[in-house]
Amino acid sequence: MPTEQIYQSILKKTEDGIRRDLQSYFVDWKPEYERLVEVHYRWTLGGEYPRLAWASALTAQMIYEQPIVHELERLKAPALLVIGQEDRTALGKDRASKKAAATLGQHPQLGQRAAKAIPQANLVELDAVGHLPHLEAEEKFHQALLDFLREKRQTQVEEPLRGSLLQMETRVSRSAKGLESRGEPLGDVR
C-alpha cells in the first residue's frame, strides 16, 4: 500500500475508529482505557496532526517494507521481550484475506522466535494480556522490567553502565509506586 494512501486513511480516523483500533489491543476493554481514545482523538484536532499522521504512515510503511527479523541475531545488548499471549495485532491484517489474516499477529510464537534469535534475550510471556502489557498488566510488566534491570545491573554490564541501570530501575520502581508523578526526588526505593 502506498504511503500516501496510509497517510490519508490515518487522517480520516474518527473517534469511533480510534476506539475500535485501541480496543483490538486489549483482551478486556476497561473504562479507564477511554482516556487513550481521548488522547489520540485530541491529536486529530491539533494543527500538527498532519505531521503526526505522516510520521505514522512512514512508520507503517517501514514495517511493511523493511522487516528486521533477520537482523535480530546482531543485537549485542541484553533485551527484554514482554509478550501478551493474546496479542494478535498485525499491521494490515484488516486488508488481508480471512485465511491470511488468521495467520498474522501470532505474537506468542513470534516472541519465542525473536527470543531464540536475540543472543541475550529474556522472554516474559503474560497470559490473558494483549498488545499493550505495560497498560493491561501494569504490575506484572513493571515487575518483569525491574527484575530484568536488577539482573543485568548485577551480572552483565560494565561498570559505567551500572549507574545508568540503577537510575532507570529507580525511575521504573518509583513510577510503579506512583511516587515520581508527585515530584519527589529520585533515589533508591528498594
Protein backbone atom coordinates (compact mmCIF):
# COMPACT_ATOMS: atom_id res chain seq x y z
CA MET A 1 0.00 0.00 0.00
CA PRO A 2 1.44 3.41 -0.94
CA THR A 3 2.48 5.70 1.91
CA GLU A 4 0.09 8.42 0.71
CA GLN A 5 -2.84 6.01 0.97
CA ILE A 6 -1.84 5.01 4.50
CA TYR A 7 -1.49 8.71 5.38
CA GLN A 8 -4.96 9.53 4.04
CA SER A 9 -6.52 6.66 5.99
CA ILE A 10 -4.89 7.93 9.19
CA LEU A 11 -6.16 11.47 8.55
CA LYS A 12 -9.70 10.12 8.19
CA LYS A 13 -9.74 8.32 11.55
CA THR A 14 -12.77 9.15 13.65
CA GLU A 15 -13.08 8.91 17.40
CA ASP A 16 -15.01 5.64 16.98
CA GLY A 17 -12.36 4.31 14.59
CA ILE A 18 -9.61 5.14 17.07
CA ARG A 19 -11.61 3.39 19.81
CA ARG A 20 -12.05 0.25 17.66
CA ASP A 21 -8.32 0.19 16.89
CA LEU A 22 -7.36 0.55 20.55
CA GLN A 23 -9.95 -1.99 21.71
CA SER A 24 -8.29 -4.59 19.49
CA TYR A 25 -5.09 -4.22 21.54
CA PHE A 26 -6.68 -5.36 24.81
CA VAL A 27 -8.14 -8.66 25.98
CA ASP A 28 -10.66 -6.86 28.20
CA TRP A 29 -11.51 -3.24 27.45
CA LYS A 30 -11.90 -1.26 30.66
CA PRO A 31 -13.47 2.17 31.15
CA GLU A 32 -10.10 3.67 32.16
CA TYR A 33 -8.78 2.92 28.66
CA GLU A 34 -11.17 5.53 27.25
CA ARG A 35 -8.52 8.07 28.25
CA LEU A 36 -6.31 6.63 25.48
CA VAL A 37 -9.08 7.25 22.96
CA GLU A 38 -9.44 10.81 24.20
CA VAL A 39 -5.71 11.50 23.89
CA HIS A 40 -5.48 10.00 20.39
CA TYR A 41 -8.61 11.78 19.22
CA ARG A 42 -7.40 15.14 20.54
CA TRP A 43 -4.29 14.78 18.43
CA THR A 44 -6.55 14.85 15.37
CA LEU A 45 -7.85 18.27 16.41
CA GLY A 46 -4.44 19.96 16.52
CA GLY A 47 -2.66 21.78 13.75
CA GLU A 48 0.30 19.42 13.97
CA TYR A 49 -1.82 16.33 13.34
CA PRO A 50 -0.91 16.07 9.64
CA ARG A 51 2.77 15.77 10.64
CA LEU A 52 1.95 13.10 13.22
CA ALA A 53 -0.19 11.26 10.67
CA TRP A 54 2.64 11.41 8.11
CA ALA A 55 5.13 10.05 10.68
CA SER A 56 2.68 7.24 11.47
CA ALA A 57 2.27 6.47 7.77
CA LEU A 58 6.04 6.35 7.29
CA THR A 59 6.35 4.03 10.29
CA ALA A 60 3.67 1.72 8.90
CA GLN A 61 5.36 1.71 5.51
CA MET A 62 8.68 0.87 7.13
CA ILE A 63 7.08 -2.10 8.89
CA TYR A 64 5.67 -3.33 5.58
CA GLU A 65 8.82 -2.86 3.54
CA GLN A 66 11.74 -3.21 5.95
CA PRO A 67 11.34 -6.23 8.22
CA ILE A 68 14.22 -6.62 10.64
CA VAL A 69 13.68 -10.17 11.86
CA HIS A 70 16.81 -11.31 10.01
CA GLU A 71 18.85 -8.74 11.98
CA LEU A 72 17.79 -9.77 15.49
CA GLU A 73 20.82 -12.02 15.89
CA ARG A 74 23.04 -8.95 15.53
CA LEU A 75 21.70 -7.34 18.73
CA LYS A 76 24.50 -7.14 21.29
CA ALA A 77 22.67 -5.58 24.23
CA PRO A 78 20.50 -7.58 26.60
CA ALA A 79 16.85 -7.43 25.50
CA LEU A 80 13.63 -7.88 27.43
CA LEU A 81 10.64 -9.10 25.42
CA VAL A 82 7.32 -8.84 27.26
CA ILE A 83 4.70 -10.56 25.13
CA GLY A 84 0.98 -10.65 25.81
CA GLN A 85 -0.13 -14.16 24.95
CA GLU A 86 -3.41 -12.90 23.50
CA ASP A 87 -1.74 -10.33 21.23
CA ARG A 88 -2.90 -10.86 17.65
CA THR A 89 -2.14 -7.35 16.39
CA ALA A 90 -0.80 -7.19 12.84
CA LEU A 91 -0.40 -4.16 10.63
CA GLY A 92 -2.53 -4.60 7.51
CA LYS A 93 -4.50 -7.52 8.94
CA ASP A 94 -7.72 -5.70 8.14
CA ARG A 95 -6.75 -5.68 4.44
CA ALA A 96 -5.74 -9.34 4.27
CA SER A 97 -7.99 -12.21 3.25
CA LYS A 98 -9.64 -14.05 6.14
CA LYS A 99 -7.36 -17.02 5.53
CA ALA A 100 -4.21 -14.88 5.53
CA ALA A 101 -5.42 -12.74 8.47
CA ALA A 102 -5.78 -15.89 10.60
CA THR A 103 -2.03 -16.48 10.27
CA LEU A 104 -0.96 -12.92 11.12
CA GLY A 105 -0.14 -11.48 14.52
CA GLN A 106 0.72 -14.73 16.27
CA HIS A 107 2.80 -12.94 18.90
CA PRO A 108 3.29 -15.86 21.29
CA GLN A 109 5.12 -17.76 18.55
CA LEU A 110 6.79 -14.62 17.19
CA GLY A 111 8.04 -13.75 20.67
CA GLN A 112 9.58 -17.20 21.10
CA ARG A 113 11.26 -16.97 17.70
CA ALA A 114 12.60 -13.49 18.46
CA ALA A 115 13.91 -14.63 21.85
CA LYS A 116 15.77 -17.51 20.20
CA ALA A 117 17.26 -15.15 17.61
CA ILE A 118 18.42 -12.44 20.04
CA PRO A 119 21.59 -13.62 21.82
CA GLN A 120 20.82 -12.05 25.23
CA ALA A 121 17.02 -12.08 25.22
CA ASN A 122 14.81 -12.57 28.23
CA LEU A 123 11.26 -13.53 27.25
CA VAL A 124 8.38 -12.85 29.63
CA GLU A 125 5.04 -14.25 28.48
CA LEU A 126 1.96 -12.77 30.12
CA ASP A 127 -1.23 -14.83 29.94
CA ALA A 128 -4.56 -13.12 29.24
CA VAL A 129 -2.78 -9.96 28.03
CA GLY A 130 -2.89 -8.32 24.61
CA HIS A 131 -0.71 -5.88 22.70
CA LEU A 132 -0.09 -3.33 25.49
CA PRO A 133 1.17 -5.28 28.51
CA HIS A 134 2.52 -2.13 30.17
CA LEU A 135 -1.10 -0.90 30.40
CA GLU A 136 -3.12 -4.10 30.64
CA ALA A 137 -0.89 -5.86 33.19
CA GLU A 138 0.99 -2.92 34.63
CA GLU A 139 2.19 -4.59 37.83
CA LYS A 140 3.45 -7.72 36.05
CA PHE A 141 5.11 -5.60 33.39
CA HIS A 142 6.87 -3.38 35.94
CA GLN A 143 7.98 -6.41 37.94
CA ALA A 144 9.41 -8.08 34.83
CA LEU A 145 11.23 -4.87 33.89
CA LEU A 146 12.61 -4.35 37.39
CA ASP A 147 13.77 -7.97 37.63
CA PHE A 148 15.48 -7.64 34.25
CA LEU A 149 17.22 -4.37 35.17
CA ARG A 150 18.39 -5.72 38.53
CA GLU A 151 19.72 -8.91 36.98
CA LYS A 152 21.60 -7.07 34.25
CA ARG A 153 22.97 -4.47 36.65
CA GLN A 154 24.28 -7.17 38.95
CA THR A 155 25.63 -9.64 36.42
CA GLN A 156 26.26 -8.48 32.89
CA VAL A 157 27.09 -4.85 32.48
CA GLU A 158 30.29 -2.90 32.55
CA GLU A 159 30.85 -0.53 35.46
CA PRO A 160 29.96 2.72 33.58
CA LEU A 161 26.51 1.36 32.71
CA ARG A 162 25.63 0.18 36.22
CA GLY A 163 24.79 3.70 37.38
CA SER A 164 22.51 4.25 34.39
CA LEU A 165 20.73 0.96 35.01
CA LEU A 166 20.30 1.80 38.70
CA GLN A 167 18.82 5.17 37.78
CA MET A 168 16.45 3.54 35.26
CA GLU A 169 15.50 0.85 37.76
CA THR A 170 14.78 3.51 40.37
CA ARG A 171 12.59 5.51 37.98
CA VAL A 172 10.60 2.44 36.97
CA SER A 173 10.19 1.41 40.57
CA ARG A 174 9.08 4.89 41.64
CA SER A 175 6.75 5.17 38.68
CA ALA A 176 5.20 1.82 39.57
CA LYS A 177 4.66 3.12 43.08
CA GLY A 178 3.27 6.45 41.86
CA LEU A 179 5.99 8.48 43.56
CA GLU A 180 7.70 10.20 40.68
CA SER A 181 4.46 11.77 39.47
CA ARG A 182 4.26 13.67 42.76
CA GLY A 183 7.61 15.31 42.08
CA GLU A 184 9.55 13.51 44.81
CA PRO A 185 13.32 13.37 44.20
CA LEU A 186 14.76 10.21 42.73
CA GLY A 187 16.62 7.85 44.99
CA ASP A 188 16.89 4.16 45.63
CA VAL A 189 13.44 2.92 46.67
CA ARG A 190 14.36 -0.67 47.48
